[in-house]
PDB file of N, CA and C in Angstrom:
ATOM      1  N   MET A   1       0.840  -1.170   0.000  1.00  0.00           N
ATOM      2  CA  MET A   1       0.000   0.000   0.000  1.00  0.00           C
ATOM      3  C   MET A   1       0.893   1.244   0.000  1.00  0.00           C
ATOM      4  N   ASN A   2       0.578   2.195  -0.857  1.00  0.00           N
ATOM      5  CA  ASN A   2       1.319   3.448  -0.930  1.00  0.00           C
ATOM      6  C   ASN A   2       0.743   4.445   0.060  1.00  0.00           C
ATOM      7  N   LEU A   3       1.623   5.082   0.828  1.00  0.00           N
ATOM      8  CA  LEU A   3       1.188   6.086   1.790  1.00  0.00           C
ATOM      9  C   LEU A   3       1.969   7.373   1.603  1.00  0.00           C
ATOM     10  N   THR A   4       1.287   8.510   1.759  1.00  0.00           N
ATOM     11  CA  THR A   4       1.987   9.789   1.769  1.00  0.00           C
ATOM     12  C   THR A   4       2.844   9.823   3.027  1.00  0.00           C
ATOM     13  N   GLN A   5       3.796  10.746   3.075  1.00  0.00           N
ATOM     14  CA  GLN A   5       4.646  10.839   4.262  1.00  0.00           C
ATOM     15  C   GLN A   5       3.800  11.054   5.514  1.00  0.00           C
ATOM     16  N   GLU A   6       2.809  11.930   5.422  1.00  0.00           N
ATOM     17  CA  GLU A   6       1.966  12.232   6.587  1.00  0.00           C
ATOM     18  C   GLU A   6       1.261  10.967   7.089  1.00  0.00           C
ATOM     19  N   ASP A   7       0.675  10.204   6.174  1.00  0.00           N
ATOM     20  CA  ASP A   7      -0.027   8.972   6.566  1.00  0.00           C
ATOM     21  C   ASP A   7       0.956   7.916   7.068  1.00  0.00           C
ATOM     22  N   TRP A   8       2.111   7.824   6.401  1.00  0.00           N
ATOM     23  CA  TRP A   8       3.148   6.842   6.752  1.00  0.00           C
ATOM     24  C   TRP A   8       3.601   7.082   8.189  1.00  0.00           C
ATOM     25  N   VAL A   9       3.877   8.363   8.506  1.00  0.00           N
ATOM     26  CA  VAL A   9       4.367   8.722   9.837  1.00  0.00           C
ATOM     27  C   VAL A   9       3.291   8.508  10.895  1.00  0.00           C
ATOM     28  N   SER A  10       2.059   8.958  10.619  1.00  0.00           N
ATOM     29  CA  SER A  10       1.013   8.831  11.644  1.00  0.00           C
ATOM     30  C   SER A  10       0.663   7.365  11.889  1.00  0.00           C
ATOM     31  N   GLN A  11       0.644   6.564  10.842  1.00  0.00           N
ATOM     32  CA  GLN A  11       0.353   5.144  11.004  1.00  0.00           C
ATOM     33  C   GLN A  11       1.497   4.452  11.741  1.00  0.00           C
ATOM     34  N   LEU A  12       2.727   4.814  11.385  1.00  0.00           N
ATOM     35  CA  LEU A  12       3.917   4.245  12.017  1.00  0.00           C
ATOM     36  C   LEU A  12       3.925   4.550  13.521  1.00  0.00           C
ATOM     37  N   GLU A  13       3.591   5.787  13.873  1.00  0.00           N
ATOM     38  CA  GLU A  13       3.626   6.194  15.280  1.00  0.00           C
ATOM     39  C   GLU A  13       2.589   5.462  16.125  1.00  0.00           C
ATOM     40  N   SER A  14       1.474   5.052  15.517  1.00  0.00           N
ATOM     41  CA  SER A  14       0.423   4.381  16.283  1.00  0.00           C
ATOM     42  C   SER A  14       0.517   2.858  16.190  1.00  0.00           C
ATOM     43  N   ASP A  15       1.534   2.361  15.511  1.00  0.00           N
ATOM     44  CA  ASP A  15       1.705   0.927  15.271  1.00  0.00           C
ATOM     45  C   ASP A  15       2.874   0.412  16.111  1.00  0.00           C
ATOM     46  N   GLU A  16       2.618  -0.569  16.958  1.00  0.00           N
ATOM     47  CA  GLU A  16       3.682  -1.096  17.827  1.00  0.00           C
ATOM     48  C   GLU A  16       4.342  -2.355  17.265  1.00  0.00           C
ATOM     49  N   ASN A  17       3.936  -2.774  16.073  1.00  0.00           N
ATOM     50  CA  ASN A  17       4.449  -4.009  15.476  1.00  0.00           C
ATOM     51  C   ASN A  17       5.177  -3.686  14.166  1.00  0.00           C
ATOM     52  N   THR A  18       6.130  -2.730  14.246  1.00  0.00           N
ATOM     53  CA  THR A  18       6.702  -2.182  13.018  1.00  0.00           C
ATOM     54  C   THR A  18       8.170  -2.507  12.796  1.00  0.00           C
ATOM     55  N   VAL A  19       8.521  -2.503  11.520  1.00  0.00           N
ATOM     56  CA  VAL A  19       9.911  -2.512  11.084  1.00  0.00           C
ATOM     57  C   VAL A  19       9.998  -1.481   9.965  1.00  0.00           C
ATOM     58  N   ILE A  20      10.990  -0.574  10.049  1.00  0.00           N
ATOM     59  CA  ILE A  20      11.233   0.388   8.969  1.00  0.00           C
ATOM     60  C   ILE A  20      12.355  -0.200   8.120  1.00  0.00           C
ATOM     61  N   LEU A  21      12.068  -0.360   6.837  1.00  0.00           N
ATOM     62  CA  LEU A  21      13.009  -1.015   5.933  1.00  0.00           C
ATOM     63  C   LEU A  21      13.469  -0.040   4.855  1.00  0.00           C
ATOM     64  N   ASP A  22      14.785   0.166   4.788  1.00  0.00           N
ATOM     65  CA  ASP A  22      15.421   1.020   3.793  1.00  0.00           C
ATOM     66  C   ASP A  22      16.013   0.101   2.730  1.00  0.00           C
ATOM     67  N   VAL A  23      15.548   0.215   1.480  1.00  0.00           N
ATOM     68  CA  VAL A  23      16.021  -0.700   0.432  1.00  0.00           C
ATOM     69  C   VAL A  23      17.029  -0.035  -0.509  1.00  0.00           C
ATOM     70  N   ARG A  24      17.626   1.079  -0.058  1.00  0.00           N
ATOM     71  CA  ARG A  24      18.621   1.775  -0.873  1.00  0.00           C
ATOM     72  C   ARG A  24      19.992   1.103  -0.776  1.00  0.00           C
ATOM     73  N   THR A  25      20.923   1.621  -1.581  1.00  0.00           N
ATOM     74  CA  THR A  25      22.295   1.111  -1.546  1.00  0.00           C
ATOM     75  C   THR A  25      23.016   1.643  -0.312  1.00  0.00           C
ATOM     76  N   GLU A  26      24.150   1.036  -0.002  1.00  0.00           N
ATOM     77  CA  GLU A  26      24.946   1.483   1.144  1.00  0.00           C
ATOM     78  C   GLU A  26      25.389   2.936   0.969  1.00  0.00           C
ATOM     79  N   ASN A  27      25.807   3.308  -0.250  1.00  0.00           N
ATOM     80  CA  ASN A  27      26.229   4.690  -0.508  1.00  0.00           C
ATOM     81  C   ASN A  27      25.098   5.672  -0.261  1.00  0.00           C
ATOM     82  N   GLU A  28      23.889   5.310  -0.685  1.00  0.00           N
ATOM     83  CA  GLU A  28      22.740   6.184  -0.441  1.00  0.00           C
ATOM     84  C   GLU A  28      22.466   6.307   1.055  1.00  0.00           C
ATOM     85  N   CYS A  29      22.584   5.210   1.768  1.00  0.00           N
ATOM     86  CA  CYS A  29      22.348   5.224   3.217  1.00  0.00           C
ATOM     87  C   CYS A  29      23.358   6.094   3.947  1.00  0.00           C
ATOM     88  N   ASN A  30      24.566   6.167   3.415  1.00  0.00           N
ATOM     89  CA  ASN A  30      25.595   6.993   4.046  1.00  0.00           C
ATOM     90  C   ASN A  30      25.229   8.471   4.046  1.00  0.00           C
ATOM     91  N   GLU A  31      24.267   8.859   3.189  1.00  0.00           N
ATOM     92  CA  GLU A  31      23.785  10.245   3.163  1.00  0.00           C
ATOM     93  C   GLU A  31      22.811  10.507   4.315  1.00  0.00           C
ATOM     94  N   GLY A  32      22.384   9.450   4.979  1.00  0.00           N
ATOM     95  CA  GLY A  32      21.447   9.572   6.089  1.00  0.00           C
ATOM     96  C   GLY A  32      20.319   8.570   5.943  1.00  0.00           C
ATOM     97  N   ILE A  33      19.734   8.199   7.074  1.00  0.00           N
ATOM     98  CA  ILE A  33      18.633   7.241   7.085  1.00  0.00           C
ATOM     99  C   ILE A  33      17.521   7.750   8.005  1.00  0.00           C
ATOM    100  N   ILE A  34      16.347   7.200   7.825  1.00  0.00           N
ATOM    101  CA  ILE A  34      15.249   7.469   8.746  1.00  0.00           C
ATOM    102  C   ILE A  34      15.561   6.672  10.016  1.00  0.00           C
ATOM    103  N   PRO A  35      15.423   7.282  11.202  1.00  0.00           N
ATOM    104  CA  PRO A  35      15.794   6.597  12.447  1.00  0.00           C
ATOM    105  C   PRO A  35      15.148   5.221  12.597  1.00  0.00           C
ATOM    106  N   ASN A  36      15.925   4.298  13.156  1.00  0.00           N
ATOM    107  CA  ASN A  36      15.487   2.930  13.472  1.00  0.00           C
ATOM    108  C   ASN A  36      15.211   2.057  12.257  1.00  0.00           C
ATOM    109  N   SER A  37      15.699   2.468  11.085  1.00  0.00           N
ATOM    110  CA  SER A  37      15.473   1.637   9.903  1.00  0.00           C
ATOM    111  C   SER A  37      16.594   0.618   9.741  1.00  0.00           C
ATOM    112  N   ILE A  38      16.242  -0.497   9.113  1.00  0.00           N
ATOM    113  CA  ILE A  38      17.246  -1.490   8.745  1.00  0.00           C
ATOM    114  C   ILE A  38      17.417  -1.422   7.233  1.00  0.00           C
ATOM    115  N   ASN A  39      18.611  -1.718   6.769  1.00  0.00           N
ATOM    116  CA  ASN A  39      18.900  -1.617   5.337  1.00  0.00           C
ATOM    117  C   ASN A  39      19.084  -2.990   4.727  1.00  0.00           C
ATOM    118  N   ILE A  40      18.325  -3.234   3.660  1.00  0.00           N
ATOM    119  CA  ILE A  40      18.542  -4.407   2.808  1.00  0.00           C
ATOM    120  C   ILE A  40      18.476  -3.887   1.374  1.00  0.00           C
ATOM    121  N   ASP A  41      19.611  -3.885   0.687  1.00  0.00           N
ATOM    122  CA  ASP A  41      19.738  -3.302  -0.657  1.00  0.00           C
ATOM    123  C   ASP A  41      18.980  -4.152  -1.682  1.00  0.00           C
ATOM    124  N   ILE A  42      17.956  -3.563  -2.296  1.00  0.00           N
ATOM    125  CA  ILE A  42      17.144  -4.282  -3.282  1.00  0.00           C
ATOM    126  C   ILE A  42      17.948  -4.628  -4.536  1.00  0.00           C
ATOM    127  N   TYR A  43      19.028  -3.878  -4.822  1.00  0.00           N
ATOM    128  CA  TYR A  43      19.837  -4.171  -5.999  1.00  0.00           C
ATOM    129  C   TYR A  43      20.645  -5.465  -5.852  1.00  0.00           C
ATOM    130  N   LYS A  44      20.846  -5.934  -4.629  1.00  0.00           N
ATOM    131  CA  LYS A  44      21.519  -7.215  -4.403  1.00  0.00           C
ATOM    132  C   LYS A  44      20.425  -8.282  -4.387  1.00  0.00           C
ATOM    133  N   GLU A  45      19.912  -8.601  -5.565  1.00  0.00           N
ATOM    134  CA  GLU A  45      18.659  -9.333  -5.718  1.00  0.00           C
ATOM    135  C   GLU A  45      18.556 -10.628  -4.915  1.00  0.00           C
ATOM    136  N   LEU A  46      19.478 -11.544  -5.110  1.00  0.00           N
ATOM    137  CA  LEU A  46      19.404 -12.831  -4.407  1.00  0.00           C
ATOM    138  C   LEU A  46      19.559 -12.627  -2.908  1.00  0.00           C
ATOM    139  N   GLU A  47      20.529 -11.814  -2.532  1.00  0.00           N
ATOM    140  CA  GLU A  47      20.760 -11.508  -1.112  1.00  0.00           C
ATOM    141  C   GLU A  47      19.528 -10.811  -0.511  1.00  0.00           C
ATOM    142  N   PHE A  48      18.912  -9.940  -1.298  1.00  0.00           N
ATOM    143  CA  PHE A  48      17.716  -9.219  -0.853  1.00  0.00           C
ATOM    144  C   PHE A  48      16.605 -10.212  -0.481  1.00  0.00           C
ATOM    145  N   ILE A  49      16.342 -11.162  -1.367  1.00  0.00           N
ATOM    146  CA  ILE A  49      15.295 -12.164  -1.106  1.00  0.00           C
ATOM    147  C   ILE A  49      15.669 -13.025   0.101  1.00  0.00           C
ATOM    148  N   GLN A  50      16.938 -13.429   0.192  1.00  0.00           N
ATOM    149  CA  GLN A  50      17.385 -14.238   1.329  1.00  0.00           C
ATOM    150  C   GLN A  50      17.216 -13.488   2.645  1.00  0.00           C
ATOM    151  N   GLU A  51      17.561 -12.204   2.651  1.00  0.00           N
ATOM    152  CA  GLU A  51      17.408 -11.390   3.864  1.00  0.00           C
ATOM    153  C   GLU A  51      15.930 -11.240   4.223  1.00  0.00           C
ATOM    154  N   LEU A  52      15.076 -11.029   3.212  1.00  0.00           N
ATOM    155  CA  LEU A  52      13.640 -10.907   3.476  1.00  0.00           C
ATOM    156  C   LEU A  52      13.093 -12.165   4.130  1.00  0.00           C
ATOM    157  N   GLU A  53      13.557 -13.314   3.660  1.00  0.00           N
ATOM    158  CA  GLU A  53      13.060 -14.591   4.184  1.00  0.00           C
ATOM    159  C   GLU A  53      13.367 -14.755   5.673  1.00  0.00           C
ATOM    160  N   LEU A  54      14.371 -14.039   6.168  1.00  0.00           N
ATOM    161  CA  LEU A  54      14.739 -14.121   7.584  1.00  0.00           C
ATOM    162  C   LEU A  54      13.879 -13.224   8.471  1.00  0.00           C
ATOM    163  N   LEU A  55      13.120 -12.325   7.850  1.00  0.00           N
ATOM    164  CA  LEU A  55      12.326 -11.364   8.613  1.00  0.00           C
ATOM    165  C   LEU A  55      11.018 -11.981   9.105  1.00  0.00           C
ATOM    166  N   ASP A  56      10.486 -11.413  10.160  1.00  0.00           N
ATOM    167  CA  ASP A  56       9.225 -11.849  10.757  1.00  0.00           C
ATOM    168  C   ASP A  56       8.066 -11.331   9.893  1.00  0.00           C
ATOM    169  N   LYS A  57       7.368 -12.250   9.228  1.00  0.00           N
ATOM    170  CA  LYS A  57       6.298 -11.853   8.305  1.00  0.00           C
ATOM    171  C   LYS A  57       5.068 -11.306   9.019  1.00  0.00           C
ATOM    172  N   SER A  58       5.004 -11.450  10.344  1.00  0.00           N
ATOM    173  CA  SER A  58       3.839 -10.954  11.081  1.00  0.00           C
ATOM    174  C   SER A  58       3.971  -9.470  11.442  1.00  0.00           C
ATOM    175  N   LYS A  59       5.142  -8.898  11.188  1.00  0.00           N
ATOM    176  CA  LYS A  59       5.351  -7.476  11.481  1.00  0.00           C
ATOM    177  C   LYS A  59       4.780  -6.621  10.348  1.00  0.00           C
ATOM    178  N   ASN A  60       4.626  -5.331  10.625  1.00  0.00           N
ATOM    179  CA  ASN A  60       4.184  -4.367   9.617  1.00  0.00           C
ATOM    180  C   ASN A  60       5.418  -3.622   9.127  1.00  0.00           C
ATOM    181  N   TYR A  61       5.645  -3.661   7.818  1.00  0.00           N
ATOM    182  CA  TYR A  61       6.866  -3.102   7.242  1.00  0.00           C
ATOM    183  C   TYR A  61       6.602  -1.777   6.541  1.00  0.00           C
ATOM    184  N   TYR A  62       7.339  -0.754   6.988  1.00  0.00           N
ATOM    185  CA  TYR A  62       7.287   0.579   6.397  1.00  0.00           C
ATOM    186  C   TYR A  62       8.554   0.718   5.565  1.00  0.00           C
ATOM    187  N   VAL A  63       8.381   0.745   4.238  1.00  0.00           N
ATOM    188  CA  VAL A  63       9.499   0.584   3.313  1.00  0.00           C
ATOM    189  C   VAL A  63       9.743   1.888   2.551  1.00  0.00           C
ATOM    190  N   TYR A  64      11.039   2.238   2.428  1.00  0.00           N
ATOM    191  CA  TYR A  64      11.371   3.425   1.634  1.00  0.00           C
ATOM    192  C   TYR A  64      12.654   3.220   0.850  1.00  0.00           C
ATOM    193  N   CYS A  65      12.790   4.038  -0.203  1.00  0.00           N
ATOM    194  CA  CYS A  65      14.018   4.088  -1.001  1.00  0.00           C
ATOM    195  C   CYS A  65      14.279   5.565  -1.296  1.00  0.00           C
ATOM    196  N   ARG A  66      14.954   5.857  -2.368  1.00  0.00           N
ATOM    197  CA  ARG A  66      15.287   7.250  -2.677  1.00  0.00           C
ATOM    198  C   ARG A  66      14.059   8.035  -3.129  1.00  0.00           C
ATOM    199  N   SER A  67      13.270   7.439  -4.056  1.00  0.00           N
ATOM    200  CA  SER A  67      12.145   8.189  -4.626  1.00  0.00           C
ATOM    201  C   SER A  67      10.787   7.503  -4.475  1.00  0.00           C
ATOM    202  N   GLY A  68      10.786   6.242  -4.077  1.00  0.00           N
ATOM    203  CA  GLY A  68       9.529   5.507  -3.922  1.00  0.00           C
ATOM    204  C   GLY A  68       9.319   4.399  -4.930  1.00  0.00           C
ATOM    205  N   ALA A  69      10.156   4.328  -5.970  1.00  0.00           N
ATOM    206  CA  ALA A  69       9.981   3.308  -7.007  1.00  0.00           C
ATOM    207  C   ALA A  69      10.508   1.943  -6.563  1.00  0.00           C
ATOM    208  N   ARG A  70      11.743   1.894  -6.073  1.00  0.00           N
ATOM    209  CA  ARG A  70      12.311   0.620  -5.623  1.00  0.00           C
ATOM    210  C   ARG A  70      11.538   0.072  -4.430  1.00  0.00           C
ATOM    211  N   SER A  71      11.108   0.959  -3.532  1.00  0.00           N
ATOM    212  CA  SER A  71      10.376   0.484  -2.360  1.00  0.00           C
ATOM    213  C   SER A  71       9.019  -0.085  -2.756  1.00  0.00           C
ATOM    214  N   ALA A  72       8.413   0.446  -3.814  1.00  0.00           N
ATOM    215  CA  ALA A  72       7.156  -0.137  -4.308  1.00  0.00           C
ATOM    216  C   ALA A  72       7.413  -1.556  -4.811  1.00  0.00           C
ATOM    217  N   LYS A  73       8.534  -1.741  -5.532  1.00  0.00           N
ATOM    218  CA  LYS A  73       8.906  -3.083  -6.009  1.00  0.00           C
ATOM    219  C   LYS A  73       9.211  -3.999  -4.831  1.00  0.00           C
ATOM    220  N   ALA A  74       9.869  -3.457  -3.809  1.00  0.00           N
ATOM    221  CA  ALA A  74      10.182  -4.250  -2.622  1.00  0.00           C
ATOM    222  C   ALA A  74       8.904  -4.713  -1.940  1.00  0.00           C
ATOM    223  N   CYS A  75       7.930  -3.826  -1.835  1.00  0.00           N
ATOM    224  CA  CYS A  75       6.644  -4.197  -1.219  1.00  0.00           C
ATOM    225  C   CYS A  75       5.974  -5.313  -2.012  1.00  0.00           C
ATOM    226  N   ASP A  76       6.000  -5.206  -3.349  1.00  0.00           N
ATOM    227  CA  ASP A  76       5.419  -6.266  -4.188  1.00  0.00           C
ATOM    228  C   ASP A  76       6.124  -7.594  -3.940  1.00  0.00           C
ATOM    229  N   ALA A  77       7.454  -7.559  -3.898  1.00  0.00           N
ATOM    230  CA  ALA A  77       8.227  -8.780  -3.649  1.00  0.00           C
ATOM    231  C   ALA A  77       7.890  -9.361  -2.281  1.00  0.00           C
ATOM    232  N   MET A  78       7.781  -8.491  -1.296  1.00  0.00           N
ATOM    233  CA  MET A  78       7.479  -8.945   0.064  1.00  0.00           C
ATOM    234  C   MET A  78       6.085  -9.560   0.128  1.00  0.00           C
ATOM    235  N   ASN A  79       5.125  -8.939  -0.548  1.00  0.00           N
ATOM    236  CA  ASN A  79       3.771  -9.483  -0.567  1.00  0.00           C
ATOM    237  C   ASN A  79       3.755 -10.870  -1.212  1.00  0.00           C
ATOM    238  N   ASN A  80       4.552 -11.037  -2.276  1.00  0.00           N
ATOM    239  CA  ASN A  80       4.650 -12.338  -2.948  1.00  0.00           C
ATOM    240  C   ASN A  80       5.280 -13.400  -2.049  1.00  0.00           C
ATOM    241  N   LEU A  81       6.116 -12.964  -1.096  1.00  0.00           N
ATOM    242  CA  LEU A  81       6.761 -13.893  -0.167  1.00  0.00           C
ATOM    243  C   LEU A  81       5.907 -14.170   1.071  1.00  0.00           C
ATOM    244  N   GLY A  82       4.739 -13.540   1.153  1.00  0.00           N
ATOM    245  CA  GLY A  82       3.841 -13.823   2.255  1.00  0.00           C
ATOM    246  C   GLY A  82       3.770 -12.772   3.342  1.00  0.00           C
ATOM    247  N   PHE A  83       4.413 -11.622   3.127  1.00  0.00           N
ATOM    248  CA  PHE A  83       4.282 -10.528   4.082  1.00  0.00           C
ATOM    249  C   PHE A  83       2.894  -9.918   3.907  1.00  0.00           C
ATOM    250  N   GLU A  84       2.176  -9.731   4.999  1.00  0.00           N
ATOM    251  CA  GLU A  84       0.800  -9.263   4.889  1.00  0.00           C
ATOM    252  C   GLU A  84       0.689  -7.749   4.835  1.00  0.00           C
ATOM    253  N   ASN A  85       1.555  -7.040   5.571  1.00  0.00           N
ATOM    254  CA  ASN A  85       1.414  -5.588   5.675  1.00  0.00           C
ATOM    255  C   ASN A  85       2.701  -4.864   5.319  1.00  0.00           C
ATOM    256  N   THR A  86       2.720  -4.296   4.106  1.00  0.00           N
ATOM    257  CA  THR A  86       3.861  -3.507   3.660  1.00  0.00           C
ATOM    258  C   THR A  86       3.343  -2.147   3.209  1.00  0.00           C
ATOM    259  N   TYR A  87       4.057  -1.106   3.616  1.00  0.00           N
ATOM    260  CA  TYR A  87       3.633   0.259   3.319  1.00  0.00           C
ATOM    261  C   TYR A  87       4.772   1.018   2.664  1.00  0.00           C
ATOM    262  N   ASN A  88       4.534   1.464   1.436  1.00  0.00           N
ATOM    263  CA  ASN A  88       5.532   2.184   0.661  1.00  0.00           C
ATOM    264  C   ASN A  88       5.432   3.682   0.922  1.00  0.00           C
ATOM    265  N   LEU A  89       6.579   4.319   1.180  1.00  0.00           N
ATOM    266  CA  LEU A  89       6.629   5.761   1.383  1.00  0.00           C
ATOM    267  C   LEU A  89       6.659   6.460   0.027  1.00  0.00           C
ATOM    268  N   LEU A  90       5.543   7.089  -0.350  1.00  0.00           N
ATOM    269  CA  LEU A  90       5.493   7.842  -1.602  1.00  0.00           C
ATOM    270  C   LEU A  90       6.482   9.002  -1.544  1.00  0.00           C
ATOM    271  N   GLY A  91       7.254   9.179  -2.621  1.00  0.00           N
ATOM    272  CA  GLY A  91       8.245  10.253  -2.657  1.00  0.00           C
ATOM    273  C   GLY A  91       9.578   9.860  -2.053  1.00  0.00           C
ATOM    274  N   GLY A  92       9.599   8.760  -1.306  1.00  0.00           N
ATOM    275  CA  GLY A  92      10.828   8.229  -0.758  1.00  0.00           C
ATOM    276  C   GLY A  92      11.619   9.199   0.105  1.00  0.00           C
ATOM    277  N   PHE A  93      12.907   8.906   0.212  1.00  0.00           N
ATOM    278  CA  PHE A  93      13.807   9.693   1.056  1.00  0.00           C
ATOM    279  C   PHE A  93      13.939  11.128   0.537  1.00  0.00           C
ATOM    280  N   LEU A  94      13.836  11.299  -0.786  1.00  0.00           N
ATOM    281  CA  LEU A  94      13.953  12.646  -1.370  1.00  0.00           C
ATOM    282  C   LEU A  94      12.853  13.564  -0.844  1.00  0.00           C
ATOM    283  N   GLY A  95      11.680  13.002  -0.594  1.00  0.00           N
ATOM    284  CA  GLY A  95      10.566  13.808  -0.124  1.00  0.00           C
ATOM    285  C   GLY A  95      10.421  13.846   1.381  1.00  0.00           C
ATOM    286  N   TRP A  96      11.309  13.164   2.075  1.00  0.00           N
ATOM    287  CA  TRP A  96      11.227  13.042   3.529  1.00  0.00           C
ATOM    288  C   TRP A  96      11.635  14.345   4.195  1.00  0.00           C
ATOM    289  N   ASP A  97      10.793  14.857   5.093  1.00  0.00           N
ATOM    290  CA  ASP A  97      11.188  16.059   5.821  1.00  0.00           C
ATOM    291  C   ASP A  97      11.218  15.813   7.328  1.00  0.00           C
ATOM    292  N   GLY A  98      11.225  14.537   7.701  1.00  0.00           N
ATOM    293  CA  GLY A  98      11.333  14.176   9.120  1.00  0.00           C
ATOM    294  C   GLY A  98      12.785  14.040   9.535  1.00  0.00           C
ATOM    295  N   GLU A  99      12.986  13.433  10.689  1.00  0.00           N
ATOM    296  CA  GLU A  99      14.332  13.267  11.249  1.00  0.00           C
ATOM    297  C   GLU A  99      15.180  12.345  10.380  1.00  0.00           C
ATOM    298  N   ILE A 100      16.459  12.683  10.286  1.00  0.00           N
ATOM    299  CA  ILE A 100      17.441  11.880   9.561  1.00  0.00           C
ATOM    300  C   ILE A 100      18.637  11.669  10.476  1.00  0.00           C
ATOM    301  N   VAL A 101      19.144  10.441  10.517  1.00  0.00           N
ATOM    302  CA  VAL A 101      20.323  10.145  11.325  1.00  0.00           C
ATOM    303  C   VAL A 101      21.378   9.467  10.453  1.00  0.00           C
ATOM    304  N   SER A 102      22.604   9.416  10.961  1.00  0.00           N
ATOM    305  CA  SER A 102      23.670   8.695  10.256  1.00  0.00           C
ATOM    306  C   SER A 102      23.533   7.214  10.540  1.00  0.00           C
ATOM    307  N   PRO A 103      23.811   6.370   9.539  1.00  0.00           N
ATOM    308  CA  PRO A 103      23.733   4.920   9.772  1.00  0.00           C
ATOM    309  C   PRO A 103      24.840   4.468  10.707  1.00  0.00           C
ATOM    310  N   GLU A 104      24.532   3.457  11.509  1.00  0.00           N
ATOM    311  CA  GLU A 104      25.546   2.866  12.384  1.00  0.00           C
ATOM    312  C   GLU A 104      26.160   1.708  11.657  1.00  0.00           C
ATOM    313  N   ASN A 105      27.373   1.880  11.201  1.00  0.00           N
ATOM    314  CA  ASN A 105      28.029   0.828  10.415  1.00  0.00           C
ATOM    315  C   ASN A 105      28.664  -0.204  11.306  1.00  0.00           C
TER     316      ASN A 105
END
């Protein structure tokens, strides 16, 4: 499901069963990340699917990338793998005006 930043944030704040998933590259993440997000690079296709398979499918996943296109594909892939609740951030990181932190490497 695609959500505007406002809806994404308000739903995220009221949801206690969440994971924030950043599907950008490591270089993109070095520019900053949304707090408490985990990174799984969608461009590393096989590794991406393997990492997804390790995640708890009962959680609600709030997914973002740079502009919203890759995260939409990630949500589709996750839904195909049996994830029930995935939420794509429309506009992605480029449109994000909330808090940004440095990734912990």
